[in-house]
Each structure stands twice: as C-alpha cells, then as structure tokens.
Amino acid sequence: MTAVVSSGPAVSAGPDPHPASRPPSRTGVVRKRFEIALFTAPALVLFIGFVILPVVLAAVYSFYNLPAGFRWDNLADPDRFVGFDNYVRALSTPEFQRAIGNTFLILVMSLLIQGPLAIGIALLLNRKLRGRGVFRLLIFVPYVLAEVIAGLAWKLLLQPGGGVNAMLEACGLGFLRHNWLADPDIALWTIFLILSWKYIGFAILLMLAGLQGVPDELAEAAQIDGATWWQTQRYITLPLLAPTVRIWAFLSIIGALQVFDMVWVTVAPAVRRISTETMATYMVQQGQFGGQPGYGSAIAVILFVISLIIALVYQRLALRRDLTGAITRGVQ
C-alpha cells in the first residue's frame, strides 16, 4: 500500500524583503526640486551678483575708452567704443609685461620654495616633540593677521632705521644693512620673503592635516622591514600626502595670481612701477587711480582669463585623479 502524504495549508511568503525600487512620485520630485532651489537660491543670487555680474560688466567696459567717473550714457557714445584696442595696448605695454613676469615669478618661487619647506617643517612637527603645539601656534599666527596689518608692520621693520637693520647692526652684521623696500634690485625678493612668512603657516597646517590621514601601521611595518626614517617618508608618507600637496599647490597658484595687498601697502609707487608691479596692482593703478576704467577692465579680464585657464588645466592634469575617486556615479 502506498502512503499518501497530504500537504498542509499554503503559507503566504509575506512581503518581499527586497522590493524593486519604484520610481518616485511626481509630488516627491517636485518637492525635492523645490527644496534644492530654496536652499541654493541665496548662494546663487550672491554668486551672480558679486562674481558673474562684475565679470560681465568688466568685459563690456573693456571695449570702451571710458573717462574717470563715467556714466551709463557713455556706453551709448559710438566714439567711446574701441573694440580690442585696450587688450592690444595692455599686452604690448612693457609695464604690464613686467607685471605678468613678476606675478609668475612669485607663483613659481612659491611652489619651489614654500612647498618643500612646508612639507619638511610639517614632517618635523608631526613627530612627538615637547612644545609641539606651541610651535604650531607660532607658525600659524602670521596667516591669521590681515595682509594690510602685516604689510605695514614689515614696512616699519624694513625701513633704513627700522628693526631689521638695527638687529643686523647689533649682531655685527652692519654691512648687510639695506633699504630693503626701496632698492629695485631686491624689492621683489623682499616681498616674496614677506609673502612666504605670511602664508607658509597655512601650508604647514594643511600638510599636518594630510599627515593625520597616513596610517601609522604603514610606517611601523616599514621600520620592521629595516627602512630608515627617510625611506619611510619618501616611499610611504610623501606618496600618500600627494593629494594634499596638489590641493595646496592649486590654492597657492590662485593666490599668487591675485597678489595685491602686500605689494600695494609695503612698496612705494615709484619703486612698485619699476620692479614689484603685479597684474593686480597694475590693474588698480591704471583703472582706479589712472582714470582709465576701460583699460583697467581689460586688464581685469586678462587676469581672469589667465587664472581660469590655469585652473582648468591644473584641474584636468593634476586634480583629476583626486576628483575621480571622490565622485560616485549611479548611486541611488
């Protein structure tokens, strides 16, 4: 006889623990877009009003030969329209060419000197040292000071009878006394030293923050394998610090292209026109104080285009590897 086994009552499987993703409702989409617009509108209005609009107006003014204190009706005067003459004049003027050279000299020297110096000091301060917090504070203090205050302080110190020359005299180094900010041969290098003193604290702080992301286990493993301290820094720490270095280099490049306050405050106009003029100071001198707003606007546009091109090229070549890993696509 064959036994017949009867099946029990059917049991419902219940709701699917992993339901298929459903498209959001129309109400949810509208609400999400409204929230995005609500939170981004204030920042967008400020960005358009204080960034986009001035750039557009500067581009418009650059095509005109405008007088000082011009009015809107001057733009309707066909005799004022000069086309690209302001740009041709700027690029062919020796003073502006010298200003471009000075700006790029500060840029290159910042990368070649401030960067390695900041990395070296950061590596030392990252070790366990007594009074390490005090050293970090003293290094970062100059960056907190306003550029005008720092510039005026150094202007007083570097005068012929100022503190720097007095200190050299007291140390028996009177032969090094100099008029640091009035000699066209060394005025630009003096400005660079002041800028390095002012901004190297920020670079060191940024490098220290990057060093916090380097795992200690890697250095310990390298020491167990017999690597020296320098080998550990060269082959482990510095490669892992590279993203931080690239970010600092980008900020340093943009800052060097916009150097204005320190040069304008510390150096006299006669010396500035000879040896320390930058693109930003030349723009203000010609546009604001030279009574040539159209010409000054053309210089502003040239500075904007140069900065934009450098930023895009740097982002494409240097920052692309960092941004690629930071962006996640297709995540719901």
C-alpha atoms as a PDB file:
ATOM      1  CA  MET A   1       0.000   0.000   0.000  1.00  0.00           C
ATOM      2  CA  THR A   2       1.306   3.389  -0.922  1.00  0.00           C
ATOM      3  CA  ALA A   3       1.116   6.039   1.754  1.00  0.00           C
ATOM      4  CA  VAL A   4      -0.375   9.300   0.698  1.00  0.00           C
ATOM      5  CA  VAL A   5       1.004  12.372   2.385  1.00  0.00           C
ATOM      6  CA  SER A   6      -1.344  15.307   2.328  1.00  0.00           C
ATOM      7  CA  SER A   7       0.156  18.766   2.002  1.00  0.00           C
ATOM      8  CA  GLY A   8      -0.602  21.315   4.680  1.00  0.00           C
ATOM      9  CA  PRO A   9      -2.300  24.646   4.165  1.00  0.00           C
ATOM     10  CA  ALA A  10      -0.493  27.058   1.874  1.00  0.00           C
ATOM     11  CA  VAL A  11       1.647  29.562   3.722  1.00  0.00           C
ATOM     12  CA  SER A  12       1.961  33.093   2.332  1.00  0.00           C
ATOM     13  CA  ALA A  13       5.545  34.224   1.692  1.00  0.00           C
ATOM     14  CA  GLY A  14       4.753  37.671   3.028  1.00  0.00           C
ATOM     15  CA  PRO A  15       6.091  40.960   1.657  1.00  0.00           C
ATOM     16  CA  ASP A  16       9.256  40.857  -0.390  1.00  0.00           C
ATOM     17  CA  PRO A  17      12.107  41.928   1.914  1.00  0.00           C
ATOM     18  CA  HIS A  18      13.851  43.485  -1.073  1.00  0.00           C
ATOM     19  CA  PRO A  19      11.135  45.175  -3.123  1.00  0.00           C
ATOM     20  CA  ALA A  20      12.075  46.514  -6.506  1.00  0.00           C
ATOM     21  CA  SER A  21      12.884  50.212  -6.485  1.00  0.00           C
ATOM     22  CA  ARG A  22       9.908  52.225  -7.541  1.00  0.00           C
ATOM     23  CA  PRO A  23      10.214  55.499  -9.378  1.00  0.00           C
ATOM     24  CA  PRO A  24       9.478  58.472  -7.128  1.00  0.00           C
ATOM     25  CA  SER A  25       6.093  60.058  -7.420  1.00  0.00           C
ATOM     26  CA  ARG A  26       5.626  63.344  -9.216  1.00  0.00           C
ATOM     27  CA  THR A  27       4.881  65.080  -5.933  1.00  0.00           C
ATOM     28  CA  GLY A  28       8.147  63.836  -4.444  1.00  0.00           C
ATOM     29  CA  VAL A  29      10.143  65.030  -7.446  1.00  0.00           C
ATOM     30  CA  VAL A  30       8.567  68.485  -7.310  1.00  0.00           C
ATOM     31  CA  ARG A  31       9.163  68.725  -3.566  1.00  0.00           C
ATOM     32  CA  LYS A  32      12.804  67.709  -3.932  1.00  0.00           C
ATOM     33  CA  ARG A  33      13.425  70.277  -6.656  1.00  0.00           C
ATOM     34  CA  PHE A  34      11.712  72.961  -4.588  1.00  0.00           C
ATOM     35  CA  GLU A  35      13.932  72.191  -1.595  1.00  0.00           C
ATOM     36  CA  ILE A  36      17.066  72.322  -3.743  1.00  0.00           C
ATOM     37  CA  ALA A  37      16.004  75.644  -5.244  1.00  0.00           C
ATOM     38  CA  LEU A  38      15.108  77.042  -1.826  1.00  0.00           C
ATOM     39  CA  PHE A  39      18.468  76.263  -0.254  1.00  0.00           C
ATOM     40  CA  THR A  40      20.640  77.167  -3.245  1.00  0.00           C
ATOM     41  CA  ALA A  41      18.829  80.384  -4.245  1.00  0.00           C
ATOM     42  CA  PRO A  42      20.561  82.709  -1.694  1.00  0.00           C
ATOM     43  CA  ALA A  43      24.038  81.460  -2.596  1.00  0.00           C
ATOM     44  CA  LEU A  44      23.200  81.591  -6.300  1.00  0.00           C
ATOM     45  CA  VAL A  45      21.966  85.174  -6.053  1.00  0.00           C
ATOM     46  CA  LEU A  46      25.130  86.248  -4.227  1.00  0.00           C
ATOM     47  CA  PHE A  47      27.332  84.393  -6.718  1.00  0.00           C
ATOM     48  CA  ILE A  48      25.624  86.004  -9.693  1.00  0.00           C
ATOM     49  CA  GLY A  49      25.613  89.467  -8.108  1.00  0.00           C
ATOM     50  CA  PHE A  50      29.191  89.524  -6.824  1.00  0.00           C
ATOM     51  CA  VAL A  51      31.007  87.235  -9.294  1.00  0.00           C
ATOM     52  CA  ILE A  52      29.228  86.752 -12.606  1.00  0.00           C
ATOM     53  CA  LEU A  53      27.815  90.277 -12.961  1.00  0.00           C
ATOM     54  CA  PRO A  54      31.131  92.084 -12.255  1.00  0.00           C
ATOM     55  CA  VAL A  55      32.918  89.831 -14.753  1.00  0.00           C
ATOM     56  CA  VAL A  56      30.303  90.562 -17.422  1.00  0.00           C
ATOM     57  CA  LEU A  57      30.396  94.315 -16.729  1.00  0.00           C
ATOM     58  CA  ALA A  58      34.204  94.336 -16.814  1.00  0.00           C
ATOM     59  CA  ALA A  59      34.109  92.557 -20.168  1.00  0.00           C
ATOM     60  CA  VAL A  60      31.686  95.185 -21.504  1.00  0.00           C
ATOM     61  CA  TYR A  61      33.684  98.141 -20.144  1.00  0.00           C
ATOM     62  CA  SER A  62      36.916  96.748 -21.607  1.00  0.00           C
ATOM     63  CA  PHE A  63      35.688  97.528 -25.136  1.00  0.00           C
ATOM     64  CA  TYR A  64      35.301 101.248 -24.387  1.00  0.00           C
ATOM     65  CA  ASN A  65      37.606 104.172 -23.745  1.00  0.00           C
ATOM     66  CA  LEU A  66      35.800 105.430 -20.674  1.00  0.00           C
ATOM     67  CA  PRO A  67      36.657 108.540 -18.675  1.00  0.00           C
ATOM     68  CA  ALA A  68      37.024 108.626 -14.910  1.00  0.00           C
ATOM     69  CA  GLY A  69      33.649 108.711 -13.198  1.00  0.00           C
ATOM     70  CA  PHE A  70      31.864 107.654 -16.384  1.00  0.00           C
ATOM     71  CA  ARG A  71      28.093 107.407 -16.672  1.00  0.00           C
ATOM     72  CA  TRP A  72      25.964 104.760 -18.336  1.00  0.00           C
ATOM     73  CA  ASP A  73      25.240 107.044 -21.289  1.00  0.00           C
ATOM     74  CA  ASN A  74      28.970 106.949 -22.132  1.00  0.00           C
ATOM     75  CA  LEU A  75      28.418 103.392 -23.355  1.00  0.00           C
ATOM     76  CA  ALA A  76      25.979 104.678 -25.961  1.00  0.00           C
ATOM     77  CA  ASP A  77      28.607 107.002 -27.434  1.00  0.00           C
ATOM     78  CA  PRO A  78      29.996 105.275 -30.571  1.00  0.00           C
ATOM     79  CA  ASP A  79      33.208 107.298 -30.317  1.00  0.00           C
ATOM     80  CA  ARG A  80      33.961 105.615 -26.998  1.00  0.00           C
ATOM     81  CA  PHE A  81      33.895 102.105 -28.460  1.00  0.00           C
ATOM     82  CA  VAL A  82      37.455 100.922 -29.187  1.00  0.00           C
ATOM     83  CA  GLY A  83      36.983  97.163 -29.590  1.00  0.00           C
ATOM     84  CA  PHE A  84      40.078  95.158 -28.640  1.00  0.00           C
ATOM     85  CA  ASP A  85      42.385  98.192 -28.545  1.00  0.00           C
ATOM     86  CA  ASN A  86      42.594  98.072 -24.738  1.00  0.00           C
ATOM     87  CA  TYR A  87      43.697  94.435 -24.867  1.00  0.00           C
ATOM     88  CA  VAL A  88      46.293  95.124 -27.561  1.00  0.00           C
ATOM     89  CA  ARG A  89      47.586  98.090 -25.590  1.00  0.00           C
ATOM     90  CA  ALA A  90      47.842  96.060 -22.374  1.00  0.00           C
ATOM     91  CA  LEU A  91      49.644  93.098 -23.918  1.00  0.00           C
ATOM     92  CA  SER A  92      52.079  95.355 -25.771  1.00  0.00           C
ATOM     93  CA  THR A  93      52.887  97.650 -22.812  1.00  0.00           C
ATOM     94  CA  PRO A  94      56.273  96.898 -21.171  1.00  0.00           C
ATOM     95  CA  GLU A  95      54.912  97.766 -17.718  1.00  0.00           C
ATOM     96  CA  PHE A  96      52.146  95.187 -17.955  1.00  0.00           C
ATOM     97  CA  GLN A  97      54.520  92.599 -19.415  1.00  0.00           C
ATOM     98  CA  ARG A  98      56.798  93.204 -16.434  1.00  0.00           C
ATOM     99  CA  ALA A  99      53.812  92.831 -14.119  1.00  0.00           C
ATOM    100  CA  ILE A 100      52.968  89.470 -15.699  1.00  0.00           C
ATOM    101  CA  GLY A 101      56.566  88.345 -15.270  1.00  0.00           C
ATOM    102  CA  ASN A 102      56.643  89.402 -11.612  1.00  0.00           C
ATOM    103  CA  THR A 103      53.375  87.611 -10.912  1.00  0.00           C
ATOM    104  CA  PHE A 104      54.566  84.357 -12.442  1.00  0.00           C
ATOM    105  CA  LEU A 105      57.925  84.668 -10.684  1.00  0.00           C
ATOM    106  CA  ILE A 106      56.109  84.838  -7.338  1.00  0.00           C
ATOM    107  CA  LEU A 107      53.969  81.879  -8.420  1.00  0.00           C
ATOM    108  CA  VAL A 108      56.902  79.673  -9.398  1.00  0.00           C
ATOM    109  CA  MET A 109      59.014  80.598  -6.372  1.00  0.00           C
ATOM    110  CA  SER A 110      56.064  79.893  -4.078  1.00  0.00           C
ATOM    111  CA  LEU A 111      55.781  76.360  -5.452  1.00  0.00           C
ATOM    112  CA  LEU A 112      59.525  75.689  -5.435  1.00  0.00           C
ATOM    113  CA  ILE A 113      60.355  77.158  -2.020  1.00  0.00           C
ATOM    114  CA  GLN A 114      57.246  77.303   0.140  1.00  0.00           C
ATOM    115  CA  GLY A 115      56.068  73.796  -0.769  1.00  0.00           C
ATOM    116  CA  PRO A 116      59.201  71.790   0.135  1.00  0.00           C
ATOM    117  CA  LEU A 117      59.824  73.979   3.194  1.00  0.00           C
ATOM    118  CA  ALA A 118      56.258  73.450   4.431  1.00  0.00           C
ATOM    119  CA  ILE A 119      56.484  69.684   3.905  1.00  0.00           C
ATOM    120  CA  GLY A 120      59.787  69.489   5.787  1.00  0.00           C
ATOM    121  CA  ILE A 121      58.533  71.503   8.765  1.00  0.00           C
ATOM    122  CA  ALA A 122      55.268  69.534   8.815  1.00  0.00           C
ATOM    123  CA  LEU A 123      57.185  66.233   8.942  1.00  0.00           C
ATOM    124  CA  LEU A 124      59.185  67.512  11.901  1.00  0.00           C
ATOM    125  CA  LEU A 125      56.157  68.862  13.759  1.00  0.00           C
ATOM    126  CA  ASN A 126      54.283  65.612  13.131  1.00  0.00           C
ATOM    127  CA  ARG A 127      56.756  63.797  15.369  1.00  0.00           C
ATOM    128  CA  LYS A 128      56.392  63.666  19.132  1.00  0.00           C
ATOM    129  CA  LEU A 129      58.193  66.777  20.317  1.00  0.00           C
ATOM    130  CA  ARG A 130      57.924  68.746  23.529  1.00  0.00           C
ATOM    131  CA  GLY A 131      56.084  72.022  22.907  1.00  0.00           C
ATOM    132  CA  ARG A 132      54.818  70.893  19.518  1.00  0.00           C
ATOM    133  CA  GLY A 133      51.509  72.714  19.999  1.00  0.00           C
ATOM    134  CA  VAL A 134      53.308  75.995  20.754  1.00  0.00           C
ATOM    135  CA  PHE A 135      55.374  75.684  17.571  1.00  0.00           C
ATOM    136  CA  ARG A 136      52.241  75.043  15.524  1.00  0.00           C
ATOM    137  CA  LEU A 137      50.561  78.097  17.024  1.00  0.00           C
ATOM    138  CA  LEU A 138      53.537  80.384  16.361  1.00  0.00           C
ATOM    139  CA  ILE A 139      53.810  79.215  12.765  1.00  0.00           C
ATOM    140  CA  PHE A 140      50.109  79.742  12.071  1.00  0.00           C
ATOM    141  CA  VAL A 141      49.815  83.194  13.709  1.00  0.00           C
ATOM    142  CA  PRO A 142      51.129  85.175  10.671  1.00  0.00           C
ATOM    143  CA  TYR A 143      48.429  83.670   8.444  1.00  0.00           C
ATOM    144  CA  VAL A 144      45.716  84.949  10.788  1.00  0.00           C
ATOM    145  CA  LEU A 145      46.956  88.541  10.532  1.00  0.00           C
ATOM    146  CA  ALA A 146      45.347  90.733   7.901  1.00  0.00           C
ATOM    147  CA  GLU A 147      47.595  91.443   4.933  1.00  0.00           C
ATOM    148  CA  VAL A 148      47.396  95.214   5.457  1.00  0.00           C
ATOM    149  CA  ILE A 149      48.481  94.901   9.096  1.00  0.00           C
ATOM    150  CA  ALA A 150      51.304  92.502   8.223  1.00  0.00           C
ATOM    151  CA  GLY A 151      52.411  94.715   5.328  1.00  0.00           C
ATOM    152  CA  LEU A 152      52.512  97.875   7.427  1.00  0.00           C
ATOM    153  CA  ALA A 153      54.401  96.088  10.196  1.00  0.00           C
ATOM    154  CA  TRP A 154      57.060  94.854   7.783  1.00  0.00           C
ATOM    155  CA  LYS A 155      57.225  98.270   6.142  1.00  0.00           C
ATOM    156  CA  LEU A 156      58.196  99.763   9.501  1.00  0.00           C
ATOM    157  CA  LEU A 157      60.657  96.975  10.261  1.00  0.00           C
ATOM    158  CA  LEU A 158      62.392  97.187   6.873  1.00  0.00           C
ATOM    159  CA  GLN A 159      62.913 100.957   6.812  1.00  0.00           C
ATOM    160  CA  PRO A 160      66.551 102.178   6.803  1.00  0.00           C
ATOM    161  CA  GLY A 161      66.254 102.930  10.525  1.00  0.00           C
ATOM    162  CA  GLY A 162      63.893 100.064  11.251  1.00  0.00           C
ATOM    163  CA  GLY A 163      64.188  96.997  13.425  1.00  0.00           C
ATOM    164  CA  VAL A 164      65.771  94.683  10.850  1.00  0.00           C
ATOM    165  CA  ASN A 165      68.748  96.953  10.140  1.00  0.00           C
ATOM    166  CA  ALA A 166      69.099  97.720  13.845  1.00  0.00           C
ATOM    167  CA  MET A 167      69.226  93.999  14.634  1.00  0.00           C
ATOM    168  CA  LEU A 168      71.857  93.432  11.934  1.00  0.00           C
ATOM    169  CA  GLU A 169      73.909  96.288  13.368  1.00  0.00           C
ATOM    170  CA  ALA A 170      73.648  94.864  16.878  1.00  0.00           C
ATOM    171  CA  CYS A 171      74.784  91.425  15.660  1.00  0.00           C
ATOM    172  CA  GLY A 172      77.868  92.866  13.971  1.00  0.00           C
ATOM    173  CA  LEU A 173      76.387  92.452  10.502  1.00  0.00           C
ATOM    174  CA  GLY A 174      76.075  96.138   9.713  1.00  0.00           C
ATOM    175  CA  PHE A 175      77.462  95.557   6.234  1.00  0.00           C
ATOM    176  CA  LEU A 176      74.158  93.820   5.416  1.00  0.00           C
ATOM    177  CA  ARG A 177      72.134  96.948   6.160  1.00  0.00           C
ATOM    178  CA  HIS A 178      69.959  97.808   3.207  1.00  0.00           C
ATOM    179  CA  ASN A 179      66.974  99.813   2.100  1.00  0.00           C
ATOM    180  CA  TRP A 180      65.041  96.616   1.530  1.00  0.00           C
ATOM    181  CA  LEU A 181      61.835  98.014   0.021  1.00  0.00           C
ATOM    182  CA  ALA A 182      63.326 100.906  -1.948  1.00  0.00           C
ATOM    183  CA  ASP A 183      66.038  99.105  -3.892  1.00  0.00           C
ATOM    184  CA  PRO A 184      64.513  97.908  -7.204  1.00  0.00           C
ATOM    185  CA  ASP A 185      67.052  95.070  -7.372  1.00  0.00           C
ATOM    186  CA  ILE A 186      65.866  93.325  -4.219  1.00  0.00           C
ATOM    187  CA  ALA A 187      62.411  94.792  -3.532  1.00  0.00           C
ATOM    188  CA  LEU A 188      60.580  91.931  -5.276  1.00  0.00           C
ATOM    189  CA  TRP A 189      62.580  89.306  -3.388  1.00  0.00           C
ATOM    190  CA  THR A 190      61.840  91.112  -0.146  1.00  0.00           C
ATOM    191  CA  ILE A 191      58.137  90.998  -0.968  1.00  0.00           C
ATOM    192  CA  PHE A 192      58.418  87.273  -1.674  1.00  0.00           C
ATOM    193  CA  LEU A 193      60.048  86.654   1.714  1.00  0.00           C
ATOM    194  CA  ILE A 194      57.233  88.559   3.425  1.00  0.00           C
ATOM    195  CA  LEU A 195      54.632  86.557   1.500  1.00  0.00           C
ATOM    196  CA  SER A 196      56.383  83.317   2.455  1.00  0.00           C
ATOM    197  CA  TRP A 197      56.399  84.353   6.121  1.00  0.00           C
ATOM    198  CA  LYS A 198      52.704  85.188   5.842  1.00  0.00           C
ATOM    199  CA  TYR A 199      51.401  82.070   4.081  1.00  0.00           C
ATOM    200  CA  ILE A 200      53.757  79.229   4.915  1.00  0.00           C
ATOM    201  CA  GLY A 201      51.834  78.663   8.159  1.00  0.00           C
ATOM    202  CA  PHE A 202      48.729  77.769   6.185  1.00  0.00           C
ATOM    203  CA  ALA A 203      50.739  75.358   4.023  1.00  0.00           C
ATOM    204  CA  ILE A 204      52.232  73.680   7.093  1.00  0.00           C
ATOM    205  CA  LEU A 205      48.825  73.347   8.735  1.00  0.00           C
ATOM    206  CA  LEU A 206      47.422  71.820   5.553  1.00  0.00           C
ATOM    207  CA  MET A 207      50.317  69.348   5.349  1.00  0.00           C
ATOM    208  CA  LEU A 208      49.853  68.406   9.004  1.00  0.00           C
ATOM    209  CA  ALA A 209      46.187  67.712   8.338  1.00  0.00           C
ATOM    210  CA  GLY A 210      47.183  65.492   5.419  1.00  0.00           C
ATOM    211  CA  LEU A 211      49.717  63.628   7.568  1.00  0.00           C
ATOM    212  CA  GLN A 212      46.957  62.708  10.000  1.00  0.00           C
ATOM    213  CA  GLY A 213      45.460  60.552   7.256  1.00  0.00           C
ATOM    214  CA  VAL A 214      48.636  58.474   6.837  1.00  0.00           C
ATOM    215  CA  PRO A 215      48.194  55.213   8.817  1.00  0.00           C
ATOM    216  CA  ASP A 216      50.848  54.653  11.481  1.00  0.00           C
ATOM    217  CA  GLU A 217      50.787  50.926  10.720  1.00  0.00           C
ATOM    218  CA  LEU A 218      52.499  51.501   7.378  1.00  0.00           C
ATOM    219  CA  ALA A 219      55.425  53.324   8.963  1.00  0.00           C
ATOM    220  CA  GLU A 220      55.711  50.664  11.664  1.00  0.00           C
ATOM    221  CA  ALA A 221      55.729  47.901   9.053  1.00  0.00           C
ATOM    222  CA  ALA A 222      58.429  49.740   7.086  1.00  0.00           C
ATOM    223  CA  GLN A 223      60.573  50.072  10.218  1.00  0.00           C
ATOM    224  CA  ILE A 224      60.211  46.370  10.914  1.00  0.00           C
ATOM    225  CA  ASP A 225      61.412  45.680   7.374  1.00  0.00           C
ATOM    226  CA  GLY A 226      64.503  47.778   8.074  1.00  0.00           C
ATOM    227  CA  ALA A 227      63.558  51.024   6.306  1.00  0.00           C
ATOM    228  CA  THR A 228      65.152  54.220   7.567  1.00  0.00           C
ATOM    229  CA  TRP A 229      63.142  57.288   8.551  1.00  0.00           C
ATOM    230  CA  TRP A 230      63.955  58.991   5.245  1.00  0.00           C
ATOM    231  CA  GLN A 231      63.000  55.907   3.235  1.00  0.00           C
ATOM    232  CA  THR A 232      59.705  55.714   5.108  1.00  0.00           C
ATOM    233  CA  GLN A 233      58.906  59.346   4.314  1.00  0.00           C
ATOM    234  CA  ARG A 234      59.992  59.041   0.691  1.00  0.00           C
ATOM    235  CA  TYR A 235      58.216  55.840  -0.264  1.00  0.00           C
ATOM    236  CA  ILE A 236      55.195  55.853   2.080  1.00  0.00           C
ATOM    237  CA  THR A 237      54.411  59.236   3.622  1.00  0.00           C
ATOM    238  CA  LEU A 238      55.051  61.555   0.670  1.00  0.00           C
ATOM    239  CA  PRO A 239      53.082  59.470  -1.895  1.00  0.00           C
ATOM    240  CA  LEU A 240      50.108  59.357   0.473  1.00  0.00           C
ATOM    241  CA  LEU A 241      50.492  63.106   1.079  1.00  0.00           C
ATOM    242  CA  ALA A 242      50.381  63.849  -2.659  1.00  0.00           C
ATOM    243  CA  PRO A 243      46.610  64.728  -2.781  1.00  0.00           C
ATOM    244  CA  THR A 244      47.118  67.330  -0.035  1.00  0.00           C
ATOM    245  CA  VAL A 245      50.150  68.744  -1.838  1.00  0.00           C
ATOM    246  CA  ARG A 246      48.165  69.071  -5.070  1.00  0.00           C
ATOM    247  CA  ILE A 247      45.354  70.926  -3.281  1.00  0.00           C
ATOM    248  CA  TRP A 248      47.850  73.281  -1.628  1.00  0.00           C
ATOM    249  CA  ALA A 249      49.596  73.906  -4.963  1.00  0.00           C
ATOM    250  CA  PHE A 250      46.273  74.846  -6.555  1.00  0.00           C
ATOM    251  CA  LEU A 251      45.459  77.306  -3.765  1.00  0.00           C
ATOM    252  CA  SER A 252      48.986  78.728  -3.922  1.00  0.00           C
ATOM    253  CA  ILE A 253      48.765  79.267  -7.686  1.00  0.00           C
ATOM    254  CA  ILE A 254      45.446  81.109  -7.462  1.00  0.00           C
ATOM    255  CA  GLY A 255      46.707  83.188  -4.536  1.00  0.00           C
ATOM    256  CA  ALA A 256      49.926  84.138  -6.334  1.00  0.00           C
ATOM    257  CA  LEU A 257      47.986  85.322  -9.376  1.00  0.00           C
ATOM    258  CA  GLN A 258      45.973  87.667  -7.153  1.00  0.00           C
ATOM    259  CA  VAL A 259      48.795  89.180  -5.060  1.00  0.00           C
ATOM    260  CA  PHE A 260      47.826  92.764  -4.334  1.00  0.00           C
ATOM    261  CA  ASP A 261      47.581  93.924  -0.712  1.00  0.00           C
ATOM    262  CA  MET A 262      51.119  93.145   0.417  1.00  0.00           C
ATOM    263  CA  VAL A 263      52.730  94.812  -2.607  1.00  0.00           C
ATOM    264  CA  TRP A 264      50.404  97.813  -2.541  1.00  0.00           C
ATOM    265  CA  VAL A 265      50.924  98.543   1.164  1.00  0.00           C
ATOM    266  CA  THR A 266      54.647  97.956   1.585  1.00  0.00           C
ATOM    267  CA  VAL A 267      56.272  99.326  -1.590  1.00  0.00           C
ATOM    268  CA  ALA A 268      56.233 102.965  -2.670  1.00  0.00           C
ATOM    269  CA  PRO A 269      54.518 103.666  -6.031  1.00  0.00           C
ATOM    270  CA  ALA A 270      57.771 104.757  -7.719  1.00  0.00           C
ATOM    271  CA  VAL A 271      59.553 101.519  -6.811  1.00  0.00           C
ATOM    272  CA  ARG A 272      56.464  99.423  -7.485  1.00  0.00           C
ATOM    273  CA  ARG A 273      56.240 100.646 -11.074  1.00  0.00           C
ATOM    274  CA  ILE A 274      59.888  99.704 -11.651  1.00  0.00           C
ATOM    275  CA  SER A 275      60.301  96.317 -10.009  1.00  0.00           C
ATOM    276  CA  THR A 276      57.389  94.943  -7.954  1.00  0.00           C
ATOM    277  CA  GLU A 277      54.287  95.602 -10.051  1.00  0.00           C
ATOM    278  CA  THR A 278      51.898  92.648 -10.298  1.00  0.00           C
ATOM    279  CA  MET A 279      48.901  92.210 -12.555  1.00  0.00           C
ATOM    280  CA  ALA A 280      46.511  93.086  -9.732  1.00  0.00           C
ATOM    281  CA  THR A 281      48.384  96.240  -8.647  1.00  0.00           C
ATOM    282  CA  TYR A 282      48.786  97.379 -12.252  1.00  0.00           C
ATOM    283  CA  MET A 283      45.064  96.901 -12.820  1.00  0.00           C
ATOM    284  CA  VAL A 284      44.123  99.041  -9.798  1.00  0.00           C
ATOM    285  CA  GLN A 285      46.755 101.674 -10.594  1.00  0.00           C
ATOM    286  CA  GLN A 286      45.557 102.147 -14.178  1.00  0.00           C
ATOM    287  CA  GLY A 287      41.837 101.642 -13.699  1.00  0.00           C
ATOM    288  CA  GLN A 288      41.152 103.260 -10.333  1.00  0.00           C
ATOM    289  CA  PHE A 289      43.885 105.865  -9.874  1.00  0.00           C
ATOM    290  CA  GLY A 290      44.878 106.357 -13.502  1.00  0.00           C
ATOM    291  CA  GLY A 291      41.390 107.404 -14.579  1.00  0.00           C
ATOM    292  CA  GLN A 292      41.138 104.665 -17.236  1.00  0.00           C
ATOM    293  CA  PRO A 293      38.329 102.307 -16.177  1.00  0.00           C
ATOM    294  CA  GLY A 294      38.052 100.773 -19.646  1.00  0.00           C
ATOM    295  CA  TYR A 295      41.748  99.945 -19.772  1.00  0.00           C
ATOM    296  CA  GLY A 296      41.687  98.681 -16.197  1.00  0.00           C
ATOM    297  CA  SER A 297      38.708  96.463 -17.031  1.00  0.00           C
ATOM    298  CA  ALA A 298      40.640  94.944 -19.942  1.00  0.00           C
ATOM    299  CA  ILE A 299      43.498  94.102 -17.564  1.00  0.00           C
ATOM    300  CA  ALA A 300      40.972  92.573 -15.146  1.00  0.00           C
ATOM    301  CA  VAL A 301      39.572  90.387 -17.925  1.00  0.00           C
ATOM    302  CA  ILE A 302      43.079  89.280 -18.938  1.00  0.00           C
ATOM    303  CA  LEU A 303      43.836  88.351 -15.324  1.00  0.00           C
ATOM    304  CA  PHE A 304      40.533  86.469 -15.091  1.00  0.00           C
ATOM    305  CA  VAL A 305      41.185  84.537 -18.308  1.00  0.00           C
ATOM    306  CA  ILE A 306      44.742  83.622 -17.256  1.00  0.00           C
ATOM    307  CA  SER A 307      43.515  82.409 -13.854  1.00  0.00           C
ATOM    308  CA  LEU A 308      40.650  80.458 -15.429  1.00  0.00           C
ATOM    309  CA  ILE A 309      42.886  78.729 -17.975  1.00  0.00           C
ATOM    310  CA  ILE A 310      45.470  77.772 -15.355  1.00  0.00           C
ATOM    311  CA  ALA A 311      42.760  76.497 -13.007  1.00  0.00           C
ATOM    312  CA  LEU A 312      41.102  74.375 -15.717  1.00  0.00           C
ATOM    313  CA  VAL A 313      44.406  72.953 -16.964  1.00  0.00           C
ATOM    314  CA  TYR A 314      45.574  72.184 -13.428  1.00  0.00           C
ATOM    315  CA  GLN A 315      42.272  70.534 -12.575  1.00  0.00           C
ATOM    316  CA  ARG A 316      42.467  68.478 -15.750  1.00  0.00           C
ATOM    317  CA  LEU A 317      46.067  67.348 -15.293  1.00  0.00           C
ATOM    318  CA  ALA A 318      46.638  67.283 -11.532  1.00  0.00           C
ATOM    319  CA  LEU A 319      43.334  67.208  -9.653  1.00  0.00           C
ATOM    320  CA  ARG A 320      41.502  64.819 -11.954  1.00  0.00           C
ATOM    321  CA  ARG A 321      42.808  61.707 -10.174  1.00  0.00           C
ATOM    322  CA  ASP A 322      41.608  63.044  -6.814  1.00  0.00           C
ATOM    323  CA  LEU A 323      38.197  64.173  -8.080  1.00  0.00           C
ATOM    324  CA  THR A 324      37.562  60.907  -9.924  1.00  0.00           C
ATOM    325  CA  GLY A 325      37.770  58.920  -6.724  1.00  0.00           C
ATOM    326  CA  ALA A 326      35.600  61.404  -4.836  1.00  0.00           C
ATOM    327  CA  ILE A 327      32.640  61.290  -7.211  1.00  0.00           C
ATOM    328  CA  THR A 328      30.306  58.297  -7.073  1.00  0.00           C
ATOM    329  CA  ARG A 329      28.031  57.869 -10.023  1.00  0.00           C
ATOM    330  CA  GLY A 330      24.889  55.857 -10.280  1.00  0.00           C
ATOM    331  CA  VAL A 331      24.205  55.752  -6.533  1.00  0.00           C
ATOM    332  CA  GLN A 332      20.527  55.937  -5.795  1.00  0.00           C
END
